[in-house]
Amino acid sequence: MIRKLRARIIIINMALMGIVILAIFTTVCVSSYSNAVNDMERGLNQVVGNRDFDRDRATDDNAPPFDKESKGSFKQKPNIHDNEPMQISSYVIVELDDDGNITNTTENNVSIDADDLEECVKLARQSNSISGQIGDYGLMYVKHDFMEVHKIVFASNNMVFANLRNTVLVSVGLFFGSMVIIFLISLWLSGLAVKPVKKAWEQQKQFVADASHELKTPLTVILANNNIMMSHPQSRVTDERQWLESTEEEAQHMKQLIDQMLFLAKSDAGNTQVQLSEVNLSEIVEGSALNFEPVAFEREVLIDTDIRPDILMQGNQLQLNQLAHILIDNAVKYAEDNSTVTIALHKHGDGTEFTVNNKGSVISKEEMEHIFDRFYRAEKSRTTKGYGLGLAIAQRIVEDMNGKITVQSNQTDGTTFTVYFKG
């Protein structure tokens, strides 16, 4: 799936960029061709102007050439300094009478067959435009009418198409070069884009596998209990109490696991709406610490509290109770025998800091990178009953209240979970 997604990203990106680049190069080619045609038209106008207009016009020799728009009417062409007219050295100028008959022909570095020239003149006169191209003969023409003189100048349009061909070849080369570069960039960007998707996909597969494994164990016990009870059809309920209690216990474990998974799933989907109100965090932490006193006493673990009274904050009481329960439960569960679990709550700067410390096995750097992952359990905790979801839930609760949770572990100070809430 990841490979298909990555390939789709590359194809879509290259297609969109290819269309844009193709449109740009097409515009460049069309613009280059249009400019070449305009330059040649000005060049042909200049040829006629140099040979004829300088003699007939009552202006100085430096005056710009004129275009004939209608008989006896002229329009002065703009003086374009940045785009000089194409210099044309090979051309044919044909003079015509009023009936369109050729009266004089001036050839310069080129000659055209008489029959072909007559046909070209005919085609040019049939056109309503004062300039154009005759594709069959590879010629471009410009018509000039001055007083009683009618002229048509012809020149090969090979330069125009040569310029177009060069522009197209350069554009094609740049296009394929650009597509190679875009492919490499798309390949790199697609890797970055699918990286979080790949991680989420792997986490989802791991989540399903772990959840299936965790649910399989209590289901196996429940089914085994039922088989035992079904093998004693004459027994009374009191006789099967052991199996019923075992079934009840495993069912409760399953319910707890499902509730935890649903909480995380809703959080991932953004469906959890945390209702915040002013709560007394000191009372919540103190109450949770007291609840674990019997458990700690059985394990010969001492709970030492340093809780400042009446620390108020904006939070959700149920979730903060769950947070304190998870952290204190972990601390007591994994503490060394005859050690002390220290619970502290106090103001720190502009916020509130809640810490839980125990002395036990040091959490390695590799384990700390995954300590908040779902279903993750360190090697030392695999013999302890649990699902590996508690710290993942604790992290989500803290983040939902704009807080931050961290862990530090070393041989000297033990393991400390620190929760910091702003405000």
Protein backbone atom coordinates (compact mmCIF):
# COMPACT_ATOMS: atom_id res chain seq x y z
CA MET A 1 0.00 0.00 0.00
CA ILE A 2 2.80 2.42 0.89
CA ARG A 3 4.55 1.78 -2.44
CA LYS A 4 1.34 2.40 -4.35
CA LEU A 5 0.71 5.59 -2.41
CA ARG A 6 4.24 6.80 -3.07
CA ALA A 7 3.98 5.97 -6.78
CA ARG A 8 0.64 7.80 -6.95
CA ILE A 9 2.15 10.90 -5.35
CA ILE A 10 5.05 10.86 -7.83
CA ILE A 11 2.76 10.39 -10.84
CA ILE A 12 0.33 13.12 -9.78
CA ASN A 13 3.14 15.56 -8.98
CA MET A 14 4.94 14.87 -12.27
CA ALA A 15 1.70 15.10 -14.26
CA LEU A 16 0.77 18.47 -12.74
CA MET A 17 4.27 19.91 -13.07
CA GLY A 18 4.59 18.44 -16.58
CA ILE A 19 1.38 20.15 -17.68
CA VAL A 20 2.57 23.48 -16.26
CA ILE A 21 6.02 23.21 -17.85
CA LEU A 22 4.55 22.03 -21.15
CA ALA A 23 2.19 25.02 -21.17
CA ILE A 24 5.12 27.37 -20.47
CA PHE A 25 7.30 25.90 -23.24
CA THR A 26 4.35 25.88 -25.66
CA THR A 27 3.79 29.56 -24.92
CA VAL A 28 7.50 30.24 -25.45
CA CYS A 29 7.47 28.44 -28.82
CA VAL A 30 4.32 30.20 -30.01
CA SER A 31 5.67 33.55 -28.81
CA SER A 32 9.04 32.91 -30.49
CA TYR A 33 7.33 32.00 -33.78
CA SER A 34 5.07 35.05 -33.60
CA ASN A 35 8.04 37.33 -32.88
CA ALA A 36 10.02 35.82 -35.75
CA VAL A 37 7.10 36.43 -38.15
CA ASN A 38 6.74 40.01 -36.92
CA ASP A 39 10.49 40.59 -37.25
CA MET A 40 10.43 39.28 -40.80
CA GLU A 41 7.45 41.47 -41.67
CA ARG A 42 9.34 44.50 -40.39
CA GLY A 43 12.35 43.34 -42.35
CA LEU A 44 10.31 43.13 -45.55
CA ASN A 45 8.83 46.55 -44.82
CA GLN A 46 12.34 47.86 -44.36
CA VAL A 47 13.43 46.37 -47.70
CA VAL A 48 10.66 48.14 -49.57
CA GLY A 49 11.14 51.32 -47.53
CA ASN A 50 14.85 51.50 -48.30
CA ARG A 51 14.30 51.01 -52.01
CA ASP A 52 11.20 53.02 -52.59
CA PHE A 53 9.85 55.08 -49.70
CA ASP A 54 13.01 57.11 -49.28
CA ARG A 55 12.58 58.33 -52.83
CA ASP A 56 8.88 59.12 -52.67
CA ARG A 57 8.36 60.41 -49.16
CA ALA A 58 8.90 64.03 -48.37
CA THR A 59 10.78 63.25 -45.14
CA ASP A 60 14.37 62.93 -44.10
CA ASP A 61 16.40 59.76 -44.62
CA ASN A 62 16.22 58.76 -40.92
CA ALA A 63 12.42 58.64 -40.79
CA PRO A 64 10.90 55.26 -39.87
CA PRO A 65 9.12 53.23 -42.56
CA PHE A 66 5.38 53.41 -43.19
CA ASP A 67 2.77 50.67 -43.42
CA LYS A 68 0.01 51.08 -45.97
CA GLU A 69 -3.36 50.49 -44.38
CA SER A 70 -5.43 51.82 -47.23
CA LYS A 71 -4.65 53.60 -50.47
CA GLY A 72 -3.21 57.04 -49.78
CA SER A 73 -3.18 56.43 -46.00
CA PHE A 74 -0.11 55.48 -43.95
CA LYS A 75 0.63 54.59 -40.36
CA GLN A 76 4.02 55.26 -38.90
CA LYS A 77 5.54 52.13 -37.34
CA PRO A 78 6.80 52.40 -33.79
CA ASN A 79 10.50 52.79 -33.26
CA ILE A 80 11.48 49.53 -31.55
CA HIS A 81 14.98 49.69 -30.19
CA ASP A 82 15.04 46.40 -28.31
CA ASN A 83 13.80 44.25 -31.20
CA GLU A 84 15.35 45.27 -34.48
CA PRO A 85 13.77 44.08 -37.77
CA MET A 86 15.20 40.94 -39.31
CA GLN A 87 17.89 41.82 -41.87
CA ILE A 88 16.76 40.25 -45.16
CA SER A 89 19.36 40.00 -47.93
CA SER A 90 17.51 37.59 -50.23
CA TYR A 91 14.20 38.79 -51.62
CA VAL A 92 12.14 39.47 -54.73
CA ILE A 93 10.16 42.68 -55.25
CA VAL A 94 7.36 42.56 -57.79
CA GLU A 95 5.72 45.71 -59.20
CA LEU A 96 2.16 45.38 -60.50
CA ASP A 97 -0.19 47.50 -62.53
CA ASP A 98 -3.78 48.15 -61.57
CA ASP A 99 -4.85 44.91 -63.27
CA GLY A 100 -2.38 42.85 -61.27
CA ASN A 101 0.03 42.24 -64.13
CA ILE A 102 3.71 42.09 -63.32
CA THR A 103 5.45 45.14 -64.75
CA ASN A 104 8.82 44.83 -63.07
CA THR A 105 10.73 42.34 -60.94
CA THR A 106 13.70 43.09 -58.71
CA GLU A 107 15.66 40.07 -57.45
CA ASN A 108 18.31 40.22 -54.76
CA ASN A 109 20.42 37.09 -54.11
CA VAL A 110 17.53 34.84 -55.11
CA SER A 111 15.49 33.98 -58.20
CA ILE A 112 11.98 32.53 -58.48
CA ASP A 113 10.63 30.74 -61.55
CA ALA A 114 8.34 33.01 -63.53
CA ASP A 115 5.37 30.65 -63.36
CA ASP A 116 5.84 30.15 -59.64
CA LEU A 117 6.17 33.89 -59.17
CA GLU A 118 2.92 34.53 -61.03
CA GLU A 119 1.14 31.94 -58.89
CA CYS A 120 2.55 33.50 -55.70
CA VAL A 121 1.44 36.96 -56.81
CA LYS A 122 -2.02 35.60 -57.53
CA LEU A 123 -2.28 33.97 -54.10
CA ALA A 124 -0.99 37.10 -52.36
CA ARG A 125 -3.48 39.36 -54.18
CA GLN A 126 -6.34 37.03 -53.27
CA SER A 127 -5.58 37.45 -49.60
CA ASN A 128 -7.22 40.30 -47.73
CA SER A 129 -4.22 40.63 -45.47
CA ILE A 130 -1.32 42.92 -46.35
CA SER A 131 1.10 40.20 -45.24
CA GLY A 132 1.13 36.45 -44.95
CA GLN A 133 2.79 33.19 -45.90
CA ILE A 134 2.51 30.88 -48.89
CA GLY A 135 3.23 27.51 -47.38
CA ASP A 136 3.48 25.52 -50.63
CA TYR A 137 6.37 27.72 -51.82
CA GLY A 138 7.96 28.44 -48.45
CA LEU A 139 7.59 32.19 -48.93
CA MET A 140 6.45 35.13 -46.91
CA TYR A 141 5.10 38.29 -48.50
CA VAL A 142 4.22 41.87 -47.69
CA LYS A 143 2.02 44.02 -49.98
CA HIS A 144 2.62 47.75 -50.45
CA ASP A 145 0.42 50.21 -52.32
CA PHE A 146 1.92 53.65 -52.77
CA MET A 147 0.17 56.17 -55.02
CA GLU A 148 -0.32 54.30 -58.26
CA VAL A 149 2.42 51.80 -57.59
CA HIS A 150 1.56 48.31 -56.29
CA LYS A 151 4.37 46.20 -54.91
CA ILE A 152 4.72 42.78 -53.31
CA VAL A 153 7.97 41.69 -51.69
CA PHE A 154 8.68 37.97 -51.28
CA ALA A 155 11.29 36.25 -49.14
CA SER A 156 11.90 32.71 -47.92
CA ASN A 157 10.43 31.94 -44.53
CA ASN A 158 13.13 29.33 -43.80
CA MET A 159 14.62 31.59 -41.12
CA VAL A 160 11.29 31.76 -39.32
CA PHE A 161 10.89 28.00 -39.23
CA ALA A 162 14.55 27.44 -38.46
CA ASN A 163 14.12 29.71 -35.45
CA LEU A 164 10.96 27.83 -34.47
CA ARG A 165 12.69 24.46 -34.91
CA ASN A 166 15.60 25.53 -32.70
CA THR A 167 13.22 26.85 -30.06
CA VAL A 168 11.22 23.60 -30.10
CA LEU A 169 14.36 21.47 -29.84
CA VAL A 170 15.67 23.51 -26.92
CA SER A 171 12.24 23.42 -25.24
CA VAL A 172 11.96 19.64 -25.68
CA GLY A 173 15.43 19.17 -24.20
CA LEU A 174 14.62 21.44 -21.28
CA PHE A 175 11.26 19.71 -20.80
CA PHE A 176 12.75 16.22 -20.47
CA GLY A 177 15.60 17.57 -18.34
CA SER A 178 13.06 19.28 -16.09
CA MET A 179 10.98 16.11 -15.83
CA VAL A 180 14.04 14.12 -14.73
CA ILE A 181 14.77 16.71 -12.05
CA ILE A 182 11.10 16.80 -11.01
CA PHE A 183 11.08 13.00 -10.80
CA LEU A 184 14.07 12.99 -8.47
CA ILE A 185 12.54 15.76 -6.34
CA SER A 186 9.15 13.97 -6.32
CA LEU A 187 10.87 10.75 -5.30
CA TRP A 188 12.48 12.51 -2.36
CA LEU A 189 9.35 14.44 -1.37
CA SER A 190 7.14 11.35 -1.65
CA GLY A 191 9.47 9.60 0.79
CA LEU A 192 8.98 12.43 3.26
CA ALA A 193 5.22 12.54 2.62
CA VAL A 194 4.61 8.82 3.20
CA LYS A 195 6.95 8.58 6.18
CA PRO A 196 4.26 9.49 8.76
CA VAL A 197 1.72 7.41 6.83
CA LYS A 198 4.10 4.45 6.86
CA LYS A 199 4.67 4.89 10.57
CA ALA A 200 0.92 5.14 11.25
CA TRP A 201 0.27 2.08 9.07
CA GLU A 202 2.89 0.04 10.90
CA GLN A 203 1.54 1.21 14.25
CA GLN A 204 -1.98 0.28 13.19
CA LYS A 205 -0.88 -3.23 12.16
CA GLN A 206 1.03 -3.60 15.41
CA PHE A 207 -1.96 -2.29 17.35
CA VAL A 208 -4.30 -4.84 15.75
CA ALA A 209 -1.82 -7.65 16.33
CA ASP A 210 -1.24 -6.69 19.96
CA ALA A 211 -4.93 -6.15 20.66
CA SER A 212 -5.76 -9.53 19.14
CA HIS A 213 -3.10 -11.16 21.28
CA GLU A 214 -4.28 -9.46 24.47
CA LEU A 215 -7.93 -10.38 23.79
CA LYS A 216 -7.07 -13.92 22.84
CA THR A 217 -5.74 -14.82 26.30
CA PRO A 218 -8.88 -13.99 28.36
CA LEU A 219 -11.10 -15.47 25.66
CA THR A 220 -9.13 -18.70 25.85
CA VAL A 221 -9.55 -18.80 29.63
CA ILE A 222 -13.28 -18.05 29.40
CA LEU A 223 -13.84 -20.78 26.80
CA ALA A 224 -11.82 -23.24 28.88
CA ASN A 225 -13.89 -22.42 31.98
CA ASN A 226 -17.11 -22.90 30.05
CA ASN A 227 -15.94 -26.27 28.71
CA ILE A 228 -15.12 -27.40 32.25
CA MET A 229 -18.52 -26.33 33.55
CA MET A 230 -20.31 -27.93 30.60
CA SER A 231 -18.55 -31.20 31.37
CA HIS A 232 -20.29 -31.19 34.78
CA PRO A 233 -23.96 -30.82 33.83
CA GLN A 234 -25.17 -32.14 37.18
CA SER A 235 -23.06 -29.80 39.31
CA ARG A 236 -24.51 -26.94 41.32
CA VAL A 237 -23.48 -23.31 40.88
CA THR A 238 -21.59 -23.37 44.16
CA ASP A 239 -19.56 -26.33 42.91
CA GLU A 240 -18.46 -24.38 39.83
CA ARG A 241 -17.82 -21.13 41.69
CA GLN A 242 -14.06 -21.29 40.94
CA TRP A 243 -14.62 -21.30 37.18
CA LEU A 244 -17.33 -18.65 37.35
CA GLU A 245 -15.07 -16.29 39.31
CA SER A 246 -12.25 -16.92 36.84
CA THR A 247 -14.60 -16.15 33.95
CA GLU A 248 -15.77 -12.96 35.67
CA GLU A 249 -12.20 -11.83 36.25
CA GLU A 250 -11.16 -12.41 32.64
CA ALA A 251 -14.31 -10.70 31.36
CA GLN A 252 -13.48 -7.65 33.48
CA HIS A 253 -9.97 -7.63 32.05
CA MET A 254 -11.40 -7.75 28.54
CA LYS A 255 -13.77 -4.89 29.33
CA GLN A 256 -10.92 -2.83 30.74
CA LEU A 257 -8.79 -3.47 27.64
CA ILE A 258 -11.64 -2.61 25.27
CA ASP A 259 -12.42 0.58 27.21
CA GLN A 260 -8.77 1.63 26.99
CA MET A 261 -8.60 0.90 23.25
CA LEU A 262 -11.84 2.81 22.65
CA PHE A 263 -10.47 5.80 24.57
CA LEU A 264 -7.32 5.86 22.43
CA ALA A 265 -9.29 5.29 19.20
CA LYS A 266 -11.64 8.17 19.97
CA SER A 267 -8.69 10.38 20.82
CA ASP A 268 -7.01 9.52 17.52
CA ALA A 269 -10.22 10.35 15.63
CA GLY A 270 -10.59 13.63 17.50
CA ASN A 271 -13.97 12.58 18.85
CA THR A 272 -13.09 13.18 22.49
CA GLN A 273 -14.45 16.44 23.84
CA VAL A 274 -12.68 17.15 27.10
CA GLN A 275 -14.92 19.13 29.42
CA LEU A 276 -12.66 21.38 31.46
CA SER A 277 -13.53 22.97 34.77
CA GLU A 278 -11.68 24.19 37.82
CA VAL A 279 -10.52 21.16 39.80
CA ASN A 280 -8.44 20.71 42.93
CA LEU A 281 -5.50 18.68 41.67
CA SER A 282 -4.08 18.36 45.20
CA GLU A 283 -7.17 16.44 46.35
CA ILE A 284 -7.09 14.20 43.27
CA VAL A 285 -3.45 13.20 43.71
CA GLU A 286 -3.81 12.82 47.48
CA GLY A 287 -6.83 10.58 47.02
CA SER A 288 -5.09 8.36 44.49
CA ALA A 289 -2.04 8.04 46.75
CA LEU A 290 -4.26 6.94 49.65
CA ASN A 291 -5.99 4.34 47.46
CA PHE A 292 -2.66 2.67 46.75
CA GLU A 293 -1.52 2.53 50.37
CA PRO A 294 -2.83 -1.05 50.87
CA VAL A 295 -1.22 -2.28 47.64
CA ALA A 296 2.08 -0.65 48.59
CA PHE A 297 1.89 -2.10 52.13
CA GLU A 298 1.50 -5.64 50.74
CA ARG A 299 4.66 -5.14 48.68
CA GLU A 300 6.47 -3.52 51.62
CA VAL A 301 6.75 -0.29 49.66
CA LEU A 302 6.45 3.09 51.36
CA ILE A 303 4.53 5.92 49.72
CA ASP A 304 5.95 9.35 50.56
CA THR A 305 3.94 12.39 49.47
CA ASP A 306 4.90 16.02 49.09
CA ILE A 307 1.63 17.55 47.89
CA ARG A 308 1.03 21.26 48.25
CA PRO A 309 -2.58 21.91 49.29
CA ASP A 310 -5.27 23.55 47.16
CA ILE A 311 -3.49 23.59 43.79
CA LEU A 312 -6.24 24.47 41.35
CA MET A 313 -6.20 24.09 37.56
CA GLN A 314 -8.48 23.87 34.56
CA GLY A 315 -8.92 20.17 33.79
CA ASN A 316 -11.18 17.14 33.63
CA GLN A 317 -11.54 15.51 37.03
CA LEU A 318 -12.23 11.98 35.75
CA GLN A 319 -9.26 12.00 33.42
CA LEU A 320 -6.93 13.54 36.01
CA ASN A 321 -8.00 10.79 38.43
CA GLN A 322 -7.14 8.23 35.74
CA LEU A 323 -3.79 9.93 35.10
CA ALA A 324 -2.80 9.87 38.79
CA HIS A 325 -3.98 6.25 39.07
CA ILE A 326 -1.88 5.13 36.09
CA LEU A 327 1.34 6.82 37.22
CA ILE A 328 1.08 5.78 40.89
CA ASP A 329 0.03 2.24 39.93
CA ASN A 330 3.10 1.89 37.68
CA ALA A 331 5.39 3.32 40.35
CA VAL A 332 4.15 0.92 43.04
CA LYS A 333 3.99 -2.05 40.66
CA TYR A 334 7.60 -1.75 39.47
CA ALA A 335 9.21 -0.46 42.69
CA GLU A 336 11.83 -2.54 44.44
CA ASP A 337 10.79 -4.23 47.67
CA ASN A 338 11.37 -2.14 50.77
CA SER A 339 11.81 1.01 48.65
CA THR A 340 9.98 4.32 48.61
CA VAL A 341 7.62 5.77 46.01
CA THR A 342 7.73 9.57 46.11
CA ILE A 343 4.75 11.58 44.89
CA ALA A 344 5.14 15.34 44.63
CA LEU A 345 2.81 18.11 43.47
CA HIS A 346 3.69 21.78 43.56
CA LYS A 347 3.69 24.99 41.60
CA HIS A 348 6.59 25.37 39.21
CA GLY A 349 7.04 28.70 37.47
CA ASP A 350 3.78 29.60 35.74
CA GLY A 351 2.48 26.05 35.85
CA THR A 352 1.90 22.95 37.95
CA GLU A 353 4.34 20.04 38.20
CA PHE A 354 3.29 16.54 39.24
CA THR A 355 6.06 13.94 39.68
CA VAL A 356 6.06 10.26 40.61
CA ASN A 357 9.39 8.59 41.44
CA ASN A 358 10.30 5.04 42.35
CA LYS A 359 13.47 3.04 42.84
CA GLY A 360 13.60 0.03 40.59
CA SER A 361 15.14 -1.29 37.41
CA VAL A 362 16.55 1.51 35.25
CA ILE A 363 14.68 2.14 32.01
CA SER A 364 17.22 2.04 29.17
CA LYS A 365 17.48 4.75 26.56
CA GLU A 366 16.06 2.40 23.90
CA GLU A 367 13.08 1.55 26.13
CA MET A 368 12.39 5.21 26.94
CA GLU A 369 11.96 5.92 23.22
CA HIS A 370 8.99 3.53 23.21
CA ILE A 371 7.74 3.89 26.79
CA PHE A 372 4.58 5.73 25.66
CA ASP A 373 3.89 3.42 22.70
CA ARG A 374 0.73 1.37 22.83
CA PHE A 375 1.09 -2.23 24.00
CA TYR A 376 4.78 -1.62 24.65
CA ARG A 377 6.10 -3.32 27.75
CA ALA A 378 9.73 -3.34 28.83
CA GLU A 379 11.39 -6.68 29.43
CA LYS A 380 11.27 -6.31 33.22
CA SER A 381 7.51 -5.69 33.15
CA ARG A 382 6.46 -8.62 31.00
CA THR A 383 5.85 -10.81 34.04
CA THR A 384 3.58 -8.15 35.55
CA LYS A 385 -0.07 -8.19 34.60
CA GLY A 386 -1.11 -5.39 32.26
CA TYR A 387 -1.71 -4.45 28.66
CA GLY A 388 0.89 -1.79 28.00
CA LEU A 389 -1.74 0.88 27.34
CA GLY A 390 -1.59 2.82 30.61
CA LEU A 391 1.25 5.20 29.74
CA ALA A 392 -0.15 5.75 26.22
CA ILE A 393 -3.45 6.79 27.82
CA ALA A 394 -1.63 8.97 30.36
CA GLN A 395 0.23 10.76 27.58
CA ARG A 396 -3.00 11.37 25.65
CA ILE A 397 -4.77 12.72 28.77
CA VAL A 398 -1.89 15.14 29.42
CA GLU A 399 -1.76 16.31 25.79
CA ASP A 400 -5.54 16.83 25.69
CA MET A 401 -5.07 19.31 28.55
CA ASN A 402 -2.16 21.05 26.81
CA GLY A 403 0.36 19.53 29.19
CA LYS A 404 3.60 17.61 28.76
CA ILE A 405 4.77 14.32 30.23
CA THR A 406 8.40 13.18 30.37
CA VAL A 407 10.38 10.35 31.93
CA GLN A 408 13.90 10.17 33.32
CA SER A 409 15.62 7.08 34.65
CA ASN A 410 19.05 6.43 36.14
CA GLN A 411 20.64 4.25 38.77
CA THR A 412 21.07 7.07 41.30
CA ASP A 413 17.68 8.79 41.25
CA GLY A 414 15.52 5.94 40.00
CA THR A 415 12.66 6.49 37.50
CA THR A 416 10.71 9.73 37.55
CA PHE A 417 7.61 10.56 35.52
CA THR A 418 7.00 14.32 35.35
CA VAL A 419 3.75 15.93 34.22
CA TYR A 420 3.69 19.69 33.64
CA PHE A 421 0.52 21.70 33.12
CA LYS A 422 0.67 25.35 32.13
CA GLY A 423 -1.29 27.86 34.13
